[in-house]
Amino acid sequence: MPNKRLKDHNKVKRHGLSVILVHWVAALSTFVLIFSGFGQMPIYKRYMVDQIPGLSWSSDYSVTLIMHYWAAALLVAAVAYHLVFHGIRRDFDMMPRRGDLRESGRIIMATFGFGKEPENDKYLAEQRLAYAFIGLSLLLVIATGIMKVLKNLPYINYPEGLTMWTTLLHNIGTFLVIIGIFVHLSAFIFRANWPLLPGIFTGKIDREYVKRRHEIWYRRIAGKA
């Protein structure tokens, strides 16, 4: 029976529909969270962001608060589904492995023409590290965000020190997420990573690219390993 990932002679299936949907729900909700989170501060009015056509609502605290809560609910649902889905399937291809930092260095050097890339699995070492960095940062944001929501309930009171640390860690987590997203997207500046872009929309990437750059994964799905 032929491998389902190799049905198309020119493409290889990298992601299923479930993974694509969860990725975009998490990505879009995170961007809304960042935008609405900064909207809780007076910076949009101070820097006249609310004067931009179509963004007059951005300095309205009640609007950005509702946006923040709905985006948070979507993110929590996406993260929970992601963890359960991959946990049940025992699909841990994105988890960091020993030696990923060293391999990432080799991949980056090869991108600039120095040396040769190591053989890669389904995900590059740098992708696995980015996944862990962004994932842990999101979990920090979610955990502290839940604590901040609970604090707003009338029958829950935190000590002043705990409130301060919760807010501080929430803000740190937010900036770590922003840094992680920036580094993650910066990878697509390099031409070598362009063939991966269709995968986040269609779930499929070029077969020859997989054979050339993801040798370990290709051998496994082709039944040659």
C-alpha atoms as a PDB file:
ATOM      1  CA  MET A   1       0.000   0.000   0.000  1.00  0.00           C
ATOM      2  CA  PRO A   2       1.578   3.344  -1.023  1.00  0.00           C
ATOM      3  CA  ASN A   3       2.413   5.893   1.648  1.00  0.00           C
ATOM      4  CA  LYS A   4      -0.362   8.504   1.789  1.00  0.00           C
ATOM      5  CA  ARG A   5       2.203  11.295   2.054  1.00  0.00           C
ATOM      6  CA  LEU A   6       3.700  10.288  -1.297  1.00  0.00           C
ATOM      7  CA  LYS A   7       0.540   9.996  -3.400  1.00  0.00           C
ATOM      8  CA  ASP A   8       1.405  13.159  -5.319  1.00  0.00           C
ATOM      9  CA  HIS A   9       4.490  12.637  -7.483  1.00  0.00           C
ATOM     10  CA  ASN A  10       5.503  16.300  -7.154  1.00  0.00           C
ATOM     11  CA  LYS A  11       4.456  17.082  -3.582  1.00  0.00           C
ATOM     12  CA  VAL A  12       4.853  15.606  -0.116  1.00  0.00           C
ATOM     13  CA  LYS A  13       2.182  16.056   2.538  1.00  0.00           C
ATOM     14  CA  ARG A  14       3.746  17.735   5.547  1.00  0.00           C
ATOM     15  CA  HIS A  15       0.685  18.842   7.513  1.00  0.00           C
ATOM     16  CA  GLY A  16      -2.906  17.673   7.761  1.00  0.00           C
ATOM     17  CA  LEU A  17      -5.895  20.018   7.770  1.00  0.00           C
ATOM     18  CA  SER A  18      -6.136  19.841  11.570  1.00  0.00           C
ATOM     19  CA  VAL A  19      -2.558  21.055  12.017  1.00  0.00           C
ATOM     20  CA  ILE A  20      -3.020  23.886   9.502  1.00  0.00           C
ATOM     21  CA  LEU A  21      -6.194  25.135  11.199  1.00  0.00           C
ATOM     22  CA  VAL A  22      -4.679  25.002  14.686  1.00  0.00           C
ATOM     23  CA  HIS A  23      -1.566  26.820  13.445  1.00  0.00           C
ATOM     24  CA  TRP A  24      -3.590  29.682  11.975  1.00  0.00           C
ATOM     25  CA  VAL A  25      -6.002  29.943  14.912  1.00  0.00           C
ATOM     26  CA  ALA A  26      -3.037  30.145  17.291  1.00  0.00           C
ATOM     27  CA  ALA A  27      -1.142  32.600  15.067  1.00  0.00           C
ATOM     28  CA  LEU A  28      -4.051  34.969  14.424  1.00  0.00           C
ATOM     29  CA  SER A  29      -5.287  34.886  18.025  1.00  0.00           C
ATOM     30  CA  THR A  30      -1.749  35.650  19.215  1.00  0.00           C
ATOM     31  CA  PHE A  31      -1.511  38.696  16.945  1.00  0.00           C
ATOM     32  CA  VAL A  32      -4.917  39.910  18.189  1.00  0.00           C
ATOM     33  CA  LEU A  33      -3.776  39.354  21.782  1.00  0.00           C
ATOM     34  CA  ILE A  34      -0.629  41.395  21.233  1.00  0.00           C
ATOM     35  CA  PHE A  35      -2.513  44.247  19.553  1.00  0.00           C
ATOM     36  CA  SER A  36      -5.363  44.321  22.075  1.00  0.00           C
ATOM     37  CA  GLY A  37      -2.945  43.863  24.990  1.00  0.00           C
ATOM     38  CA  PHE A  38      -1.064  47.008  24.050  1.00  0.00           C
ATOM     39  CA  GLY A  39      -4.481  48.613  23.637  1.00  0.00           C
ATOM     40  CA  GLN A  40      -5.042  48.197  27.375  1.00  0.00           C
ATOM     41  CA  MET A  41      -2.364  50.857  27.791  1.00  0.00           C
ATOM     42  CA  PRO A  42      -2.960  54.446  26.678  1.00  0.00           C
ATOM     43  CA  ILE A  43      -0.339  54.227  23.926  1.00  0.00           C
ATOM     44  CA  TYR A  44      -2.781  54.071  20.989  1.00  0.00           C
ATOM     45  CA  LYS A  45      -4.302  57.420  21.947  1.00  0.00           C
ATOM     46  CA  ARG A  46      -0.962  58.901  22.946  1.00  0.00           C
ATOM     47  CA  TYR A  47       0.637  58.036  19.620  1.00  0.00           C
ATOM     48  CA  MET A  48      -2.564  58.744  17.643  1.00  0.00           C
ATOM     49  CA  VAL A  49      -3.007  55.195  16.398  1.00  0.00           C
ATOM     50  CA  ASP A  50      -6.741  55.727  16.874  1.00  0.00           C
ATOM     51  CA  GLN A  51      -6.554  58.518  14.284  1.00  0.00           C
ATOM     52  CA  ILE A  52      -5.740  56.002  11.551  1.00  0.00           C
ATOM     53  CA  PRO A  53      -8.869  55.378   9.434  1.00  0.00           C
ATOM     54  CA  GLY A  54     -10.650  52.256  10.690  1.00  0.00           C
ATOM     55  CA  LEU A  55      -8.799  52.152  14.015  1.00  0.00           C
ATOM     56  CA  SER A  56     -10.767  54.716  16.017  1.00  0.00           C
ATOM     57  CA  TRP A  57     -11.851  51.879  18.336  1.00  0.00           C
ATOM     58  CA  SER A  58      -8.266  50.927  19.228  1.00  0.00           C
ATOM     59  CA  SER A  59      -8.109  53.322  22.193  1.00  0.00           C
ATOM     60  CA  ASP A  60     -11.461  52.162  23.595  1.00  0.00           C
ATOM     61  CA  TYR A  61     -10.586  50.043  26.639  1.00  0.00           C
ATOM     62  CA  SER A  62     -13.883  48.133  26.654  1.00  0.00           C
ATOM     63  CA  VAL A  63     -13.443  47.098  23.005  1.00  0.00           C
ATOM     64  CA  THR A  64      -9.829  45.964  23.327  1.00  0.00           C
ATOM     65  CA  LEU A  65     -10.669  44.106  26.557  1.00  0.00           C
ATOM     66  CA  ILE A  66     -13.382  42.055  24.851  1.00  0.00           C
ATOM     67  CA  MET A  67     -11.030  41.388  21.916  1.00  0.00           C
ATOM     68  CA  HIS A  68      -8.349  40.275  24.347  1.00  0.00           C
ATOM     69  CA  TYR A  69     -10.644  37.834  26.143  1.00  0.00           C
ATOM     70  CA  TRP A  70     -12.010  36.272  22.958  1.00  0.00           C
ATOM     71  CA  ALA A  71      -8.549  35.925  21.416  1.00  0.00           C
ATOM     72  CA  ALA A  72      -7.281  34.400  24.661  1.00  0.00           C
ATOM     73  CA  ALA A  73     -10.102  31.851  24.642  1.00  0.00           C
ATOM     74  CA  LEU A  74      -9.258  30.851  21.054  1.00  0.00           C
ATOM     75  CA  LEU A  75      -5.546  30.565  21.859  1.00  0.00           C
ATOM     76  CA  VAL A  76      -6.166  28.406  24.932  1.00  0.00           C
ATOM     77  CA  ALA A  77      -8.469  26.142  22.888  1.00  0.00           C
ATOM     78  CA  ALA A  78      -5.901  25.847  20.082  1.00  0.00           C
ATOM     79  CA  VAL A  79      -3.032  25.063  22.463  1.00  0.00           C
ATOM     80  CA  ALA A  80      -5.103  22.492  24.385  1.00  0.00           C
ATOM     81  CA  TYR A  81      -6.190  20.790  21.170  1.00  0.00           C
ATOM     82  CA  HIS A  82      -2.625  20.811  19.861  1.00  0.00           C
ATOM     83  CA  LEU A  83      -1.239  19.154  23.005  1.00  0.00           C
ATOM     84  CA  VAL A  84      -3.990  16.518  23.183  1.00  0.00           C
ATOM     85  CA  PHE A  85      -3.973  15.798  19.432  1.00  0.00           C
ATOM     86  CA  HIS A  86      -0.218  15.252  19.182  1.00  0.00           C
ATOM     87  CA  GLY A  87      -0.051  13.545  22.563  1.00  0.00           C
ATOM     88  CA  ILE A  88      -2.626  10.922  21.542  1.00  0.00           C
ATOM     89  CA  ARG A  89      -0.863  10.373  18.216  1.00  0.00           C
ATOM     90  CA  ARG A  90       2.537  10.362  19.951  1.00  0.00           C
ATOM     91  CA  ASP A  91       3.720  12.765  17.300  1.00  0.00           C
ATOM     92  CA  PHE A  92       6.703  14.522  18.821  1.00  0.00           C
ATOM     93  CA  ASP A  93       8.606  15.532  15.663  1.00  0.00           C
ATOM     94  CA  MET A  94       8.665  19.171  16.777  1.00  0.00           C
ATOM     95  CA  MET A  95      10.179  18.486  20.195  1.00  0.00           C
ATOM     96  CA  PRO A  96      13.803  19.662  20.603  1.00  0.00           C
ATOM     97  CA  ARG A  97      16.514  17.016  20.546  1.00  0.00           C
ATOM     98  CA  ARG A  98      20.027  16.755  21.887  1.00  0.00           C
ATOM     99  CA  GLY A  99      22.409  18.540  19.554  1.00  0.00           C
ATOM    100  CA  ASP A 100      19.778  20.867  18.034  1.00  0.00           C
ATOM    101  CA  LEU A 101      21.695  23.991  19.041  1.00  0.00           C
ATOM    102  CA  ARG A 102      24.834  22.739  17.317  1.00  0.00           C
ATOM    103  CA  GLU A 103      22.895  21.644  14.238  1.00  0.00           C
ATOM    104  CA  SER A 104      21.166  25.023  14.079  1.00  0.00           C
ATOM    105  CA  GLY A 105      24.566  26.672  13.963  1.00  0.00           C
ATOM    106  CA  ARG A 106      25.608  24.436  11.066  1.00  0.00           C
ATOM    107  CA  ILE A 107      22.374  25.190   9.191  1.00  0.00           C
ATOM    108  CA  ILE A 108      22.813  28.948   9.646  1.00  0.00           C
ATOM    109  CA  MET A 109      26.448  28.790   8.538  1.00  0.00           C
ATOM    110  CA  ALA A 110      25.469  26.723   5.477  1.00  0.00           C
ATOM    111  CA  THR A 111      22.833  29.347   4.610  1.00  0.00           C
ATOM    112  CA  PHE A 112      25.658  31.876   4.260  1.00  0.00           C
ATOM    113  CA  GLY A 113      27.746  29.467   2.207  1.00  0.00           C
ATOM    114  CA  PHE A 114      29.996  28.125   4.958  1.00  0.00           C
ATOM    115  CA  GLY A 115      30.039  24.339   5.202  1.00  0.00           C
ATOM    116  CA  LYS A 116      27.281  21.852   4.525  1.00  0.00           C
ATOM    117  CA  GLU A 117      23.973  21.343   6.292  1.00  0.00           C
ATOM    118  CA  PRO A 118      23.516  18.204   8.395  1.00  0.00           C
ATOM    119  CA  GLU A 119      20.893  15.699   7.281  1.00  0.00           C
ATOM    120  CA  ASN A 120      17.517  16.967   8.464  1.00  0.00           C
ATOM    121  CA  ASP A 121      14.397  15.249   9.718  1.00  0.00           C
ATOM    122  CA  LYS A 122      10.845  16.525   9.111  1.00  0.00           C
ATOM    123  CA  TYR A 123      11.703  19.769  10.906  1.00  0.00           C
ATOM    124  CA  LEU A 124      15.001  21.600  10.963  1.00  0.00           C
ATOM    125  CA  ALA A 125      16.801  21.811  14.289  1.00  0.00           C
ATOM    126  CA  GLU A 126      16.220  25.570  14.373  1.00  0.00           C
ATOM    127  CA  GLN A 127      12.483  25.003  13.844  1.00  0.00           C
ATOM    128  CA  ARG A 128      12.338  22.639  16.802  1.00  0.00           C
ATOM    129  CA  LEU A 129      14.122  25.196  18.990  1.00  0.00           C
ATOM    130  CA  ALA A 130      11.783  27.971  17.825  1.00  0.00           C
ATOM    131  CA  TYR A 131       8.783  25.749  18.580  1.00  0.00           C
ATOM    132  CA  ALA A 132      10.001  25.171  22.144  1.00  0.00           C
ATOM    133  CA  PHE A 133      10.834  28.847  22.707  1.00  0.00           C
ATOM    134  CA  ILE A 134       7.508  30.177  21.399  1.00  0.00           C
ATOM    135  CA  GLY A 135       5.542  27.325  22.995  1.00  0.00           C
ATOM    136  CA  LEU A 136       6.977  27.862  26.480  1.00  0.00           C
ATOM    137  CA  SER A 137       6.518  31.625  26.141  1.00  0.00           C
ATOM    138  CA  LEU A 138       2.868  31.134  25.178  1.00  0.00           C
ATOM    139  CA  LEU A 139       2.321  28.814  28.138  1.00  0.00           C
ATOM    140  CA  LEU A 140       3.772  31.492  30.433  1.00  0.00           C
ATOM    141  CA  VAL A 141       1.429  34.097  28.902  1.00  0.00           C
ATOM    142  CA  ILE A 142      -1.584  31.768  29.225  1.00  0.00           C
ATOM    143  CA  ALA A 143      -0.841  30.775  32.842  1.00  0.00           C
ATOM    144  CA  THR A 144      -0.293  34.344  34.013  1.00  0.00           C
ATOM    145  CA  GLY A 145      -3.238  35.555  31.911  1.00  0.00           C
ATOM    146  CA  ILE A 146      -5.562  33.102  33.642  1.00  0.00           C
ATOM    147  CA  MET A 147      -4.292  34.339  37.010  1.00  0.00           C
ATOM    148  CA  LYS A 148      -4.961  37.947  35.962  1.00  0.00           C
ATOM    149  CA  VAL A 149      -8.513  37.068  34.915  1.00  0.00           C
ATOM    150  CA  LEU A 150      -9.177  35.266  38.201  1.00  0.00           C
ATOM    151  CA  LYS A 151      -7.882  38.279  40.100  1.00  0.00           C
ATOM    152  CA  ASN A 152     -10.648  40.385  38.538  1.00  0.00           C
ATOM    153  CA  LEU A 153     -13.328  38.191  40.113  1.00  0.00           C
ATOM    154  CA  PRO A 154     -14.904  39.884  43.167  1.00  0.00           C
ATOM    155  CA  TYR A 155     -14.266  37.013  45.585  1.00  0.00           C
ATOM    156  CA  ILE A 156     -10.584  36.428  44.719  1.00  0.00           C
ATOM    157  CA  ASN A 157      -7.827  38.580  46.151  1.00  0.00           C
ATOM    158  CA  TYR A 158      -4.094  38.143  45.618  1.00  0.00           C
ATOM    159  CA  PRO A 159      -1.318  39.472  47.837  1.00  0.00           C
ATOM    160  CA  GLU A 160       0.227  42.611  46.368  1.00  0.00           C
ATOM    161  CA  GLY A 161       3.504  40.831  45.654  1.00  0.00           C
ATOM    162  CA  LEU A 162       1.810  38.017  43.722  1.00  0.00           C
ATOM    163  CA  THR A 163      -0.161  40.543  41.663  1.00  0.00           C
ATOM    164  CA  MET A 164       3.027  42.387  40.768  1.00  0.00           C
ATOM    165  CA  TRP A 165       4.875  39.202  39.761  1.00  0.00           C
ATOM    166  CA  THR A 166       1.920  37.931  37.748  1.00  0.00           C
ATOM    167  CA  THR A 167       1.789  41.150  35.733  1.00  0.00           C
ATOM    168  CA  LEU A 168       5.570  41.252  35.317  1.00  0.00           C
ATOM    169  CA  LEU A 169       5.770  37.650  34.087  1.00  0.00           C
ATOM    170  CA  HIS A 170       2.794  38.211  31.766  1.00  0.00           C
ATOM    171  CA  ASN A 171       4.575  41.162  30.178  1.00  0.00           C
ATOM    172  CA  ILE A 172       7.877  39.269  29.952  1.00  0.00           C
ATOM    173  CA  GLY A 173       6.083  36.331  28.323  1.00  0.00           C
ATOM    174  CA  THR A 174       4.467  38.688  25.814  1.00  0.00           C
ATOM    175  CA  PHE A 175       7.788  40.179  24.751  1.00  0.00           C
ATOM    176  CA  LEU A 176       9.351  36.706  24.516  1.00  0.00           C
ATOM    177  CA  VAL A 177       6.507  35.663  22.188  1.00  0.00           C
ATOM    178  CA  ILE A 178       7.090  38.762  20.042  1.00  0.00           C
ATOM    179  CA  ILE A 179      10.824  38.005  19.852  1.00  0.00           C
ATOM    180  CA  GLY A 180      10.113  34.352  18.993  1.00  0.00           C
ATOM    181  CA  ILE A 181       7.678  35.302  16.223  1.00  0.00           C
ATOM    182  CA  PHE A 182      10.122  37.831  14.788  1.00  0.00           C
ATOM    183  CA  VAL A 183      12.969  35.287  14.689  1.00  0.00           C
ATOM    184  CA  HIS A 184      10.645  32.599  13.318  1.00  0.00           C
ATOM    185  CA  LEU A 185       9.431  34.800  10.452  1.00  0.00           C
ATOM    186  CA  SER A 186      12.945  36.110   9.784  1.00  0.00           C
ATOM    187  CA  ALA A 187      13.916  32.610   8.646  1.00  0.00           C
ATOM    188  CA  PHE A 188      11.911  33.200   5.473  1.00  0.00           C
ATOM    189  CA  ILE A 189      14.221  36.009   4.450  1.00  0.00           C
ATOM    190  CA  PHE A 190      16.528  33.280   3.210  1.00  0.00           C
ATOM    191  CA  ARG A 191      15.732  31.666  -0.108  1.00  0.00           C
ATOM    192  CA  ALA A 192      16.569  28.186   1.195  1.00  0.00           C
ATOM    193  CA  ASN A 193      13.449  28.287   3.390  1.00  0.00           C
ATOM    194  CA  TRP A 194      11.001  29.558   0.753  1.00  0.00           C
ATOM    195  CA  PRO A 195       9.819  26.077  -0.323  1.00  0.00           C
ATOM    196  CA  LEU A 196       8.423  25.588   3.197  1.00  0.00           C
ATOM    197  CA  LEU A 197       5.960  28.476   2.826  1.00  0.00           C
ATOM    198  CA  PRO A 198       3.272  26.576   0.827  1.00  0.00           C
ATOM    199  CA  GLY A 199       3.127  23.999   3.615  1.00  0.00           C
ATOM    200  CA  ILE A 200       1.489  26.421   6.062  1.00  0.00           C
ATOM    201  CA  PHE A 201      -1.323  27.063   3.569  1.00  0.00           C
ATOM    202  CA  THR A 202      -1.779  23.789   1.674  1.00  0.00           C
ATOM    203  CA  GLY A 203       0.025  21.299   3.910  1.00  0.00           C
ATOM    204  CA  LYS A 204       2.197  20.167   0.995  1.00  0.00           C
ATOM    205  CA  ILE A 205       5.741  21.008  -0.052  1.00  0.00           C
ATOM    206  CA  ASP A 206       7.889  20.212  -3.065  1.00  0.00           C
ATOM    207  CA  ARG A 207       8.985  16.584  -3.217  1.00  0.00           C
ATOM    208  CA  GLU A 208      12.458  17.311  -4.636  1.00  0.00           C
ATOM    209  CA  TYR A 209      13.037  19.840  -1.873  1.00  0.00           C
ATOM    210  CA  VAL A 210      12.166  17.207   0.741  1.00  0.00           C
ATOM    211  CA  LYS A 211      14.505  14.670  -0.864  1.00  0.00           C
ATOM    212  CA  ARG A 212      17.308  17.234  -0.930  1.00  0.00           C
ATOM    213  CA  ARG A 213      16.920  18.950   2.440  1.00  0.00           C
ATOM    214  CA  HIS A 214      14.900  16.601   4.675  1.00  0.00           C
ATOM    215  CA  GLU A 215      16.669  13.369   3.848  1.00  0.00           C
ATOM    216  CA  ILE A 216      15.979  11.580   7.132  1.00  0.00           C
ATOM    217  CA  TRP A 217      12.250  12.275   6.951  1.00  0.00           C
ATOM    218  CA  TYR A 218      12.023  11.364   3.274  1.00  0.00           C
ATOM    219  CA  ARG A 219      13.773   8.038   3.794  1.00  0.00           C
ATOM    220  CA  ARG A 220      11.403   7.247   6.629  1.00  0.00           C
ATOM    221  CA  ILE A 221       8.175   8.031   4.776  1.00  0.00           C
ATOM    222  CA  ALA A 222       9.425   6.338   1.628  1.00  0.00           C
ATOM    223  CA  GLY A 223      10.082   3.147   3.581  1.00  0.00           C
ATOM    224  CA  LYS A 224      13.820   3.182   2.844  1.00  0.00           C
ATOM    225  CA  ALA A 225      15.059   3.634   6.387  1.00  0.00           C
END
